[in-house]
Protein backbone atom coordinates (compact mmCIF):
# COMPACT_ATOMS: atom_id res chain seq x y z
CA MET A 1 45.27 -24.79 -50.10
CA LEU A 2 44.73 -21.63 -52.19
CA PHE A 3 43.67 -23.82 -55.14
CA LEU A 4 41.18 -25.67 -52.98
CA PHE A 5 39.82 -22.38 -51.63
CA GLN A 6 39.28 -21.05 -55.18
CA ILE A 7 37.46 -24.24 -56.18
CA GLY A 8 35.31 -24.02 -53.07
CA PHE A 9 34.58 -20.32 -53.62
CA CYS A 10 33.51 -20.86 -57.25
CA TYR A 11 31.37 -23.78 -56.20
CA SER A 12 29.75 -21.74 -53.45
CA GLN A 13 28.93 -18.91 -55.86
CA LYS A 14 27.37 -21.30 -58.36
CA ASN A 15 25.72 -23.08 -55.47
CA LYS A 16 24.19 -19.76 -54.41
CA LEU A 17 22.39 -19.58 -57.76
CA ASN A 18 21.26 -23.19 -57.42
CA ALA A 19 20.05 -22.43 -53.90
CA ALA A 20 18.04 -19.46 -55.19
CA ILE A 21 16.48 -21.72 -57.83
CA ASP A 22 15.72 -24.39 -55.22
CA ASN A 23 14.02 -21.80 -53.01
CA LEU A 24 11.81 -20.69 -55.89
CA LYS A 25 10.88 -24.32 -56.60
CA LYS A 26 9.53 -24.56 -53.05
CA ASP A 27 7.68 -21.23 -53.13
CA ASP A 28 3.91 -21.67 -52.68
CA ALA A 29 3.26 -18.84 -55.14
CA LEU A 30 4.63 -21.06 -57.91
CA ARG A 31 2.78 -24.21 -56.92
CA HIS A 32 0.59 -23.97 -60.04
CA ALA A 33 3.12 -22.11 -62.15
CA VAL A 34 5.50 -23.08 -64.91
CA TRP A 35 8.84 -21.35 -64.79
CA SER A 36 12.23 -21.78 -66.37
CA VAL A 37 15.79 -20.46 -66.31
CA CYS A 38 18.83 -20.97 -68.50
CA VAL A 39 22.27 -19.37 -68.05
CA MET A 40 25.16 -19.67 -70.52
CA ASN A 41 28.66 -18.33 -70.84
CA THR A 42 28.58 -16.47 -74.18
CA LYS A 43 31.83 -18.22 -75.17
CA LYS A 44 30.33 -21.72 -74.79
CA ASP A 45 27.25 -23.33 -76.30
CA SER A 46 26.21 -25.09 -73.12
CA ALA A 47 24.27 -24.15 -70.02
CA ILE A 48 26.04 -23.27 -66.78
CA VAL A 49 22.78 -23.59 -64.87
CA GLU A 50 19.34 -24.53 -66.15
CA TYR A 51 15.92 -25.51 -64.87
CA ASN A 52 13.03 -26.46 -67.15
CA SER A 53 15.04 -24.93 -70.03
CA ALA A 54 13.25 -27.08 -72.63
CA ILE A 55 9.74 -26.19 -71.39
CA SER A 56 7.69 -23.77 -73.51
CA VAL A 57 6.78 -20.62 -71.56
CA VAL A 58 4.93 -17.41 -72.48
CA PRO A 59 7.73 -14.85 -72.96
CA ALA A 60 5.76 -11.56 -72.84
CA SER A 61 7.98 -8.70 -74.06
CA THR A 62 11.21 -10.70 -73.86
CA MET A 63 9.99 -11.78 -77.31
CA LYS A 64 11.40 -8.47 -78.54
CA ILE A 65 14.94 -9.84 -78.36
CA VAL A 66 13.93 -12.38 -81.03
CA THR A 67 12.61 -9.63 -83.30
CA THR A 68 15.11 -6.83 -82.71
CA GLY A 69 18.07 -9.20 -82.89
CA ALA A 70 16.87 -10.57 -86.23
CA ALA A 71 16.13 -7.08 -87.57
CA LEU A 72 19.63 -5.82 -86.80
CA SER A 73 21.24 -8.94 -88.23
CA ILE A 74 19.14 -8.96 -91.43
CA LEU A 75 18.81 -5.23 -92.15
CA GLY A 76 21.91 -3.80 -90.44
CA SER A 77 22.32 -1.00 -87.90
CA ASN A 78 22.46 1.73 -90.55
CA PHE A 79 19.27 0.73 -92.38
CA ARG A 80 16.69 3.52 -92.80
CA PHE A 81 12.99 3.28 -93.71
CA GLU A 82 11.76 5.40 -96.62
CA THR A 83 8.48 7.29 -96.98
CA LYS A 84 7.90 8.83 -100.39
CA ILE A 85 5.79 11.86 -101.28
CA GLN A 86 4.59 11.05 -104.79
CA TYR A 87 1.97 12.05 -107.32
CA ASP A 88 0.13 10.71 -110.31
CA GLY A 89 -1.23 12.69 -113.26
CA VAL A 90 0.55 15.82 -114.42
CA PHE A 91 2.23 18.61 -112.49
CA ASP A 92 1.91 21.96 -114.25
CA SER A 93 4.89 23.68 -112.66
CA ILE A 94 4.25 26.96 -114.49
CA ASN A 95 0.81 27.46 -112.95
CA GLY A 96 1.53 25.43 -109.82
CA ILE A 97 -1.30 22.96 -110.43
CA LEU A 98 -1.05 19.23 -109.76
CA LYS A 99 -3.68 17.58 -111.93
CA GLY A 100 -3.80 14.33 -110.02
CA ASN A 101 -3.47 12.89 -106.53
CA LEU A 102 -0.73 13.41 -103.99
CA TYR A 103 0.42 10.17 -102.31
CA ILE A 104 2.12 9.53 -99.00
CA THR A 105 3.64 6.18 -99.90
CA GLY A 106 4.54 4.43 -96.69
CA GLY A 107 7.60 2.25 -96.39
CA GLY A 108 6.86 0.69 -93.02
CA ASP A 109 8.56 3.43 -90.97
CA PRO A 110 7.33 3.37 -87.33
CA SER A 111 9.02 6.67 -86.47
CA LEU A 112 7.03 9.25 -88.48
CA GLU A 113 6.12 12.01 -85.99
CA SER A 114 6.97 9.61 -83.16
CA GLU A 115 7.36 11.09 -79.69
CA PHE A 116 10.65 9.20 -79.38
CA PHE A 117 12.25 11.07 -82.27
CA ARG A 118 10.46 14.40 -82.09
CA ASP A 119 12.72 17.38 -81.40
CA LYS A 120 11.13 18.97 -78.34
CA LYS A 121 12.50 22.36 -79.41
CA ASP A 122 10.89 22.09 -82.86
CA SER A 123 7.09 22.38 -82.81
CA THR A 124 6.78 21.92 -86.58
CA SER A 125 5.30 18.50 -87.39
CA ILE A 126 6.65 16.32 -90.19
CA VAL A 127 3.54 16.91 -92.32
CA GLU A 128 3.97 20.68 -91.90
CA LYS A 129 7.54 20.32 -93.13
CA TRP A 130 6.31 18.28 -96.09
CA ALA A 131 3.72 20.97 -96.87
CA LEU A 132 6.43 23.65 -96.85
CA LEU A 133 8.60 21.55 -99.17
CA LEU A 134 5.71 21.07 -101.58
CA LYS A 135 4.95 24.78 -101.48
CA SER A 136 8.61 25.49 -102.26
CA ARG A 137 8.22 23.29 -105.35
CA GLY A 138 5.61 25.76 -106.56
CA ILE A 139 2.44 23.79 -105.80
CA LYS A 140 -0.59 26.07 -105.39
CA LYS A 141 -3.41 23.68 -106.16
CA ILE A 142 -4.00 19.93 -106.09
CA ASP A 143 -6.78 18.95 -108.46
CA GLY A 144 -7.21 15.64 -106.68
CA ALA A 145 -6.77 14.31 -103.14
CA VAL A 146 -4.12 13.41 -100.60
CA ILE A 147 -3.94 9.61 -100.52
CA GLY A 148 -2.32 7.53 -97.79
CA ASP A 149 -0.72 4.41 -99.25
CA ALA A 150 0.05 1.74 -96.63
CA SER A 151 0.09 -1.18 -99.08
CA VAL A 152 3.61 -2.40 -98.18
CA PHE A 153 1.94 -4.12 -95.19
CA GLU A 154 -1.23 -6.20 -95.05
CA ASP A 155 -4.45 -4.29 -94.28
CA ASN A 156 -5.05 -6.29 -91.09
CA LEU A 157 -3.09 -4.17 -88.62
CA VAL A 158 -3.49 -6.43 -85.59
CA PRO A 159 -2.08 -9.95 -85.07
CA THR A 160 -4.80 -12.59 -84.86
CA GLN A 161 -3.83 -13.64 -81.32
CA TRP A 162 -4.15 -10.19 -79.74
CA ILE A 163 -7.17 -9.84 -77.46
CA TRP A 164 -10.07 -7.39 -77.67
CA GLY A 165 -9.05 -5.72 -74.41
CA ASP A 166 -5.69 -4.65 -75.89
CA MET A 167 -6.51 -3.41 -79.39
CA GLY A 168 -8.08 -0.05 -78.57
CA ASN A 169 -5.25 0.98 -76.23
CA TYR A 170 -1.94 2.57 -77.19
CA PHE A 171 0.00 -0.65 -76.48
CA GLY A 172 -2.34 -2.47 -78.87
CA ALA A 173 -1.78 -0.13 -81.82
CA GLY A 174 -1.21 -2.25 -84.92
CA ALA A 175 1.64 -1.88 -87.41
CA CYS A 176 0.54 0.02 -90.51
CA GLY A 177 2.54 0.47 -93.70
CA LEU A 178 1.99 4.19 -93.10
CA THR A 179 2.22 4.66 -89.34
CA TYR A 180 1.98 8.21 -88.00
CA HIS A 181 2.20 9.77 -84.52
CA ASP A 182 2.95 6.36 -82.95
CA ASN A 183 -0.59 5.39 -84.10
CA LYS A 184 -1.92 6.79 -80.82
CA TYR A 185 -3.92 9.65 -79.38
CA THR A 186 -4.37 10.92 -75.82
CA LEU A 187 -7.67 11.48 -74.01
CA LEU A 188 -7.49 14.16 -71.31
CA PHE A 189 -9.96 13.27 -68.55
CA LYS A 190 -11.41 15.36 -65.74
CA SER A 191 -12.48 13.36 -62.68
CA GLY A 192 -14.41 14.41 -59.60
CA ALA A 193 -15.36 12.67 -56.37
CA ALA A 194 -14.96 8.89 -56.13
CA GLY A 195 -17.80 7.12 -57.90
CA SER A 196 -18.73 10.05 -60.14
CA LYS A 197 -18.60 9.97 -63.91
CA THR A 198 -15.64 11.59 -65.66
CA THR A 199 -15.64 13.96 -68.60
CA ILE A 200 -13.18 14.26 -71.48
CA ASN A 201 -11.56 17.69 -71.79
CA ASN A 202 -9.76 17.09 -75.05
CA THR A 203 -8.33 14.59 -77.53
CA ILE A 204 -4.73 15.12 -78.69
CA PRO A 205 -4.36 14.99 -81.59
CA THR A 206 -7.92 15.40 -82.85
CA ILE A 207 -8.95 12.35 -84.88
CA PRO A 208 -11.54 13.45 -87.48
CA GLY A 209 -14.87 11.65 -87.04
CA MET A 210 -13.88 9.65 -83.95
CA GLN A 211 -16.67 9.12 -81.40
CA ILE A 212 -15.87 8.26 -77.77
CA ASN A 213 -18.51 6.66 -75.55
CA ASN A 214 -17.14 7.57 -72.13
CA ASN A 215 -18.09 5.29 -69.22
CA VAL A 216 -14.97 5.96 -67.13
CA THR A 217 -15.64 6.78 -63.47
CA SER A 218 -13.56 8.24 -60.64
CA GLY A 219 -12.03 5.84 -58.15
CA GLY A 220 -8.91 4.00 -57.08
CA SER A 221 -5.33 5.23 -57.13
CA ASP A 222 -4.16 3.88 -60.51
CA ASP A 223 -5.00 4.15 -64.17
CA ASN A 224 -7.54 1.38 -64.70
CA ALA A 225 -9.18 2.92 -67.75
CA PHE A 226 -9.27 0.98 -71.01
CA ILE A 227 -10.34 1.95 -74.50
CA TYR A 228 -12.12 -0.57 -76.70
CA GLY A 229 -12.44 -0.38 -80.46
CA SER A 230 -11.55 -2.17 -83.67
CA ILE A 231 -9.28 -1.14 -86.52
CA TYR A 232 -10.74 1.26 -89.07
CA SER A 233 -13.73 2.01 -86.83
CA ASN A 234 -14.14 5.52 -85.40
CA TYR A 235 -16.35 4.28 -82.56
CA ARG A 236 -14.55 3.89 -79.26
CA MET A 237 -15.71 2.88 -75.75
CA ALA A 238 -13.79 4.05 -72.68
CA GLU A 239 -14.38 1.95 -69.56
CA GLY A 240 -12.93 1.57 -66.07
CA THR A 241 -11.63 4.04 -63.48
CA ILE A 242 -9.06 6.78 -63.01
CA PRO A 243 -8.00 8.48 -59.75
CA ALA A 244 -10.48 11.02 -58.31
CA ASN A 245 -10.15 14.80 -58.55
CA LYS A 246 -7.76 14.92 -61.49
CA ASN A 247 -7.68 17.38 -64.38
CA ASN A 248 -6.27 16.49 -67.80
CA TYR A 249 -5.52 12.93 -66.68
CA GLU A 250 -4.00 11.13 -69.67
CA VAL A 251 -5.25 7.85 -71.13
CA GLU A 252 -3.85 6.78 -74.49
CA GLY A 253 -5.63 4.93 -77.28
CA SER A 254 -4.81 3.53 -80.73
CA ILE A 255 -5.66 5.50 -83.87
CA PRO A 256 -8.26 3.54 -85.92
CA ASP A 257 -6.81 4.24 -89.38
CA PRO A 258 -3.23 5.58 -89.23
CA ALA A 259 -2.81 5.97 -93.01
CA LEU A 260 -5.99 8.02 -93.27
CA PHE A 261 -5.02 10.17 -90.30
CA CYS A 262 -1.63 10.86 -91.87
CA ALA A 263 -3.29 11.87 -95.14
CA GLN A 264 -5.77 14.09 -93.28
CA SER A 265 -2.93 15.72 -91.35
CA LEU A 266 -1.00 16.52 -94.53
CA GLU A 267 -4.20 17.82 -96.14
CA GLU A 268 -4.70 20.18 -93.20
CA ALA A 269 -1.08 21.36 -93.36
CA LEU A 270 -1.32 22.03 -97.09
CA LYS A 271 -4.50 24.06 -96.65
CA ALA A 272 -2.83 26.03 -93.85
CA ASN A 273 -0.23 26.99 -96.46
CA ASN A 274 -2.95 28.24 -98.83
CA ILE A 275 -2.71 25.25 -101.16
CA THR A 276 -6.12 24.38 -102.62
CA ILE A 277 -7.20 20.72 -102.66
CA THR A 278 -10.31 19.71 -104.57
CA GLY A 279 -10.62 16.14 -103.25
CA LYS A 280 -10.96 14.67 -99.77
CA ALA A 281 -8.15 12.79 -98.00
CA ASN A 282 -8.39 9.04 -98.52
CA THR A 283 -6.40 5.80 -98.51
CA VAL A 284 -5.46 3.21 -101.09
CA ARG A 285 -7.14 0.58 -98.90
CA THR A 286 -10.51 2.37 -99.01
CA LEU A 287 -10.26 3.03 -102.74
CA LYS A 288 -9.57 -0.67 -103.31
CA GLU A 289 -12.61 -1.61 -101.23
CA LEU A 290 -14.73 0.74 -103.35
CA SER A 291 -13.21 -0.80 -106.50
CA THR A 292 -12.17 2.69 -107.64
CA TYR A 293 -8.41 2.16 -107.50
CA THR A 294 -6.03 1.24 -110.27
CA ILE A 295 -2.31 1.23 -109.61
CA PRO A 296 -1.06 4.57 -110.94
CA ALA A 297 2.27 5.49 -112.45
CA LYS A 298 3.73 7.51 -109.57
CA LYS A 299 6.44 10.11 -109.71
CA THR A 300 8.37 11.17 -106.62
CA PHE A 301 8.61 14.71 -105.25
CA PHE A 302 10.94 13.71 -102.40
CA THR A 303 11.76 10.93 -99.94
CA ASN A 304 11.70 11.07 -96.15
CA TYR A 305 14.26 8.86 -94.38
CA SER A 306 13.83 7.45 -90.88
CA PRO A 307 16.49 7.50 -88.17
CA SER A 308 18.91 4.58 -88.44
CA LEU A 309 17.74 1.15 -87.31
CA ASP A 310 20.06 1.06 -84.30
CA LYS A 311 18.21 4.07 -82.87
CA ILE A 312 14.81 2.52 -83.61
CA VAL A 313 15.86 -0.74 -81.93
CA TYR A 314 17.16 1.25 -78.96
CA TRP A 315 13.72 2.70 -78.26
CA THR A 316 11.99 -0.59 -79.10
CA ASN A 317 13.80 -2.40 -76.31
CA LEU A 318 14.27 0.44 -73.82
CA LYS A 319 10.58 1.42 -73.82
CA SER A 320 9.26 -1.98 -74.91
CA LEU A 321 7.42 -0.50 -77.90
CA ASN A 322 5.03 -3.11 -79.28
CA LEU A 323 4.34 -0.99 -82.36
CA TYR A 324 8.01 -0.73 -83.31
CA ALA A 325 8.58 -4.47 -82.87
CA GLU A 326 5.61 -5.29 -85.09
CA HIS A 327 6.95 -2.93 -87.76
CA LEU A 328 10.33 -4.67 -87.73
CA LEU A 329 8.73 -8.09 -88.15
CA LYS A 330 6.44 -7.00 -90.97
CA TYR A 331 9.18 -5.08 -92.77
CA ILE A 332 11.48 -8.11 -92.79
CA CYS A 333 8.59 -10.04 -94.33
CA TYR A 334 8.03 -7.26 -96.89
CA LYS A 335 11.67 -7.40 -97.94
CA ARG A 336 11.45 -11.16 -98.43
CA THR A 337 7.99 -11.51 -99.99
CA GLY A 338 6.81 -8.07 -101.18
CA LEU A 339 4.10 -7.78 -98.50
CA GLY A 340 4.47 -7.26 -94.77
CA SER A 341 2.42 -10.09 -93.25
CA GLU A 342 2.32 -11.02 -89.57
CA THR A 343 1.90 -14.75 -90.19
CA GLU A 344 4.58 -14.95 -92.86
CA GLY A 345 6.84 -12.70 -90.80
CA THR A 346 6.78 -14.96 -87.76
CA MET A 347 7.67 -17.92 -89.97
CA ILE A 348 10.54 -16.01 -91.57
CA LEU A 349 11.99 -15.00 -88.19
CA THR A 350 11.64 -18.51 -86.77
CA ASN A 351 13.43 -19.97 -89.79
CA PHE A 352 16.08 -17.26 -89.62
CA TRP A 353 17.08 -18.27 -86.10
CA LYS A 354 16.83 -21.96 -86.97
CA SER A 355 19.27 -21.39 -89.85
CA LYS A 356 21.70 -19.89 -87.32
CA GLY A 357 21.65 -23.10 -85.30
CA VAL A 358 19.12 -22.11 -82.65
CA ASP A 359 16.97 -24.93 -81.28
CA VAL A 360 13.46 -23.69 -82.14
CA SER A 361 11.60 -26.76 -80.92
CA GLY A 362 8.96 -25.56 -78.48
CA PHE A 363 9.04 -22.06 -80.02
CA PHE A 364 5.72 -20.79 -81.41
CA MET A 365 5.78 -17.16 -82.51
CA ASN A 366 2.49 -15.29 -83.00
CA ASP A 367 3.69 -11.69 -83.03
CA GLY A 368 6.93 -9.74 -82.88
CA CYS A 369 6.45 -7.96 -79.57
CA GLY A 370 5.17 -10.53 -77.07
CA LEU A 371 1.68 -9.13 -76.45
CA ALA A 372 0.00 -12.34 -77.67
CA ARG A 373 -0.38 -14.99 -74.99
CA ALA A 374 -0.20 -17.61 -77.75
CA ASN A 375 3.56 -16.95 -77.98
CA VAL A 376 5.69 -19.58 -76.27
CA ILE A 377 9.44 -20.06 -76.22
CA THR A 378 11.99 -21.95 -74.15
CA THR A 379 14.64 -20.24 -72.06
CA LYS A 380 17.17 -22.36 -73.94
CA THR A 381 16.03 -20.80 -77.24
CA GLU A 382 16.19 -17.25 -75.87
CA THR A 383 19.64 -17.85 -74.38
CA GLN A 384 20.97 -19.30 -77.64
CA ILE A 385 19.71 -16.23 -79.52
CA LEU A 386 21.42 -13.93 -77.01
CA ARG A 387 24.65 -15.88 -77.34
CA LEU A 388 24.54 -15.76 -81.15
CA MET A 389 23.98 -12.01 -81.11
CA THR A 390 27.37 -11.55 -79.41
CA GLN A 391 28.90 -12.89 -82.64
CA ASP A 392 26.88 -10.55 -84.88
CA LYS A 393 28.46 -7.38 -86.29
CA ASN A 394 25.45 -5.45 -84.96
CA TYR A 395 25.85 -6.77 -81.41
CA LYS A 396 26.89 -3.41 -79.93
CA ALA A 397 23.62 -1.77 -81.06
CA PHE A 398 21.64 -4.72 -79.71
CA TYR A 399 23.43 -4.80 -76.34
CA GLU A 400 23.12 -1.04 -75.83
CA SER A 401 19.37 -1.15 -76.55
CA LEU A 402 18.66 -3.33 -73.51
CA PRO A 403 17.61 -1.66 -70.23
CA VAL A 404 20.33 -1.55 -67.56
CA ALA A 405 19.74 -2.78 -64.02
CA GLY A 406 19.35 0.07 -61.55
CA LYS A 407 19.73 2.63 -64.32
CA SER A 408 17.32 2.63 -67.26
CA GLY A 409 13.97 1.53 -68.66
CA SER A 410 12.05 -1.24 -66.95
CA MET A 411 15.23 -2.36 -65.12
CA THR A 412 15.62 0.96 -63.27
CA ASN A 413 14.34 -0.29 -59.92
CA LEU A 414 15.87 -3.75 -60.11
CA CYS A 415 19.03 -5.11 -58.48
CA GLN A 416 19.99 -1.82 -56.87
CA GLY A 417 22.97 -2.06 -54.54
CA THR A 418 24.08 -5.42 -55.97
CA CYS A 419 26.78 -6.49 -58.40
CA ALA A 420 24.09 -6.59 -61.10
CA GLU A 421 23.48 -2.85 -60.84
CA ASN A 422 24.81 -0.98 -63.90
CA ASN A 423 26.08 -4.37 -65.11
CA MET A 424 23.07 -6.42 -66.17
CA HIS A 425 21.52 -5.49 -69.56
CA ALA A 426 18.18 -7.22 -70.01
CA LYS A 427 14.84 -7.06 -71.78
CA THR A 428 11.98 -7.40 -69.35
CA GLY A 429 8.54 -8.78 -70.09
CA TYR A 430 5.17 -8.57 -68.41
CA ILE A 431 1.60 -9.39 -69.34
CA THR A 432 -1.10 -10.86 -67.09
CA ARG A 433 0.40 -13.80 -65.13
CA ALA A 434 3.59 -13.82 -67.21
CA ARG A 435 6.86 -12.14 -66.24
CA GLY A 436 10.38 -12.58 -67.53
CA TYR A 437 13.91 -11.29 -68.08
CA ALA A 438 16.42 -12.07 -70.83
CA GLY A 439 19.81 -10.51 -71.36
CA TYR A 440 23.46 -10.29 -70.35
CA VAL A 441 25.55 -9.79 -67.22
CA LYS A 442 29.26 -10.00 -66.43
CA ASN A 443 30.12 -12.37 -63.61
CA LYS A 444 32.76 -11.64 -60.98
CA LYS A 445 35.50 -12.95 -63.29
CA GLY A 446 34.45 -10.49 -65.99
CA GLU A 447 33.01 -13.19 -68.22
CA LEU A 448 29.88 -12.27 -70.15
CA LEU A 449 26.92 -14.50 -69.36
CA CYS A 450 23.58 -14.60 -71.17
CA PHE A 451 20.40 -15.75 -69.50
CA SER A 452 16.65 -16.14 -69.77
CA LEU A 453 14.29 -16.33 -66.80
CA LEU A 454 10.55 -16.76 -67.44
CA ALA A 455 7.58 -17.48 -65.17
CA ASN A 456 3.87 -18.02 -65.95
CA ASN A 457 0.67 -18.51 -63.95
CA TYR A 458 2.01 -17.68 -60.51
CA ASP A 459 -0.41 -17.16 -57.62
CA CYS A 460 1.09 -13.94 -56.23
CA THR A 461 0.88 -10.33 -57.44
CA PRO A 462 3.08 -9.16 -60.33
CA THR A 463 5.12 -7.04 -57.93
CA GLN A 464 5.70 -9.99 -55.59
CA MET A 465 6.78 -12.14 -58.53
CA LYS A 466 9.20 -9.42 -59.61
CA VAL A 467 10.85 -9.52 -56.16
CA LYS A 468 11.15 -13.32 -56.28
CA LEU A 469 12.75 -13.32 -59.73
CA GLU A 470 15.07 -10.47 -58.77
CA LYS A 471 16.81 -12.79 -56.31
CA ILE A 472 17.66 -15.15 -59.17
CA LEU A 473 18.91 -12.24 -61.31
CA VAL A 474 21.27 -11.12 -58.54
CA ALA A 475 22.47 -14.69 -58.02
CA ILE A 476 23.25 -14.99 -61.75
CA ALA A 477 25.41 -11.86 -61.55
CA GLU A 478 27.25 -13.26 -58.53
CA THR A 479 28.31 -16.50 -60.23
CA GLU A 480 31.94 -17.22 -61.05
């Protein structure tokens, strides 16, 4: 009798998940939608429960598990990016004169002066520290210019499938070979009565030469302001609304030319330390366009090392940092081909997972972060990747980077008061009409399950869709 009860109990728990799936199938909000779920035991290469698991679905930011998992596996948890401070010409150490240019040679590091690695107790920026180091080497004058070199990555910062409405905003900042300050700035708005025009109090940090055409008005209760602008252009348009009667209301945008801004910032720091510079900050990209650049013989003053990759992946997944994910994809491509290319990078990552035995049919990768709606993947593919990561020596770093239900990141308000709380580790994803979850959870027997749950083109609000999918997430955790 006890044996029969155990069989019946296990069946009822699994049946509860099937019932939750059946309820979602009947939901009017998904009448025009495509949605899919796949659940596996990490010890077995077969699905426990699946629905539409071979259908291609837009993954949104769950795409980051594809990129961060590959980055950890290929590069290793202890990998560190390098940024070199170099020079050409001759350094007269006796008189303290560099007769040549000073180069910030980027190595694809996304973390330079990033808010996620900045010591809040230390107000000295990385470029100020570099300036002090150069001064300590005896440099008093640079008879040349500070040059930002981002040539490890392609000049086109933005993936071809990103839309115009994203590119000028902080979440649409493209990956540059010399990224600085998260490639973003903050506009501080002042708003008045509803319907009135806003003003901009300040821009932090100041981007030299940037022009903002402000058409943002007061109204509504949320941040509905967007910044439009293309890469390398200092002209920006701010449109939309922000809440009324606010002072220093923050809206974040993408820096047009990160390598140039980094060079300008170091130039300013050097001058603040009484180091004379005869030239004007520039970039290798611009010099190439002007046909005034020849590859110099560079010598290195010193090298700046990033935090270890496990820490970078942690923030990538916890905060869903598009910029970081794009850097990882392009850097993997750089290591393989000598140039960080988005198109080549997506092919390399797809083939990497295919070589591991993942079924990549129906998988079309167009960026590393999931912002492009042209990305599609199956829940079977995502679940296979999650299962394979449990066998990788870098699995611990990967697992710990995922938000925890009821506790951290975008999972904080999910599954509270259920057996999934503080148990489920999952990457969430959301863009317009696409929401998803992919990760791990221990069932009631203590077995580790991996799952992917994706939905596109639903007829309800994003919040309502979140509630509907949450029921499936809880049911997955309750399986035996």
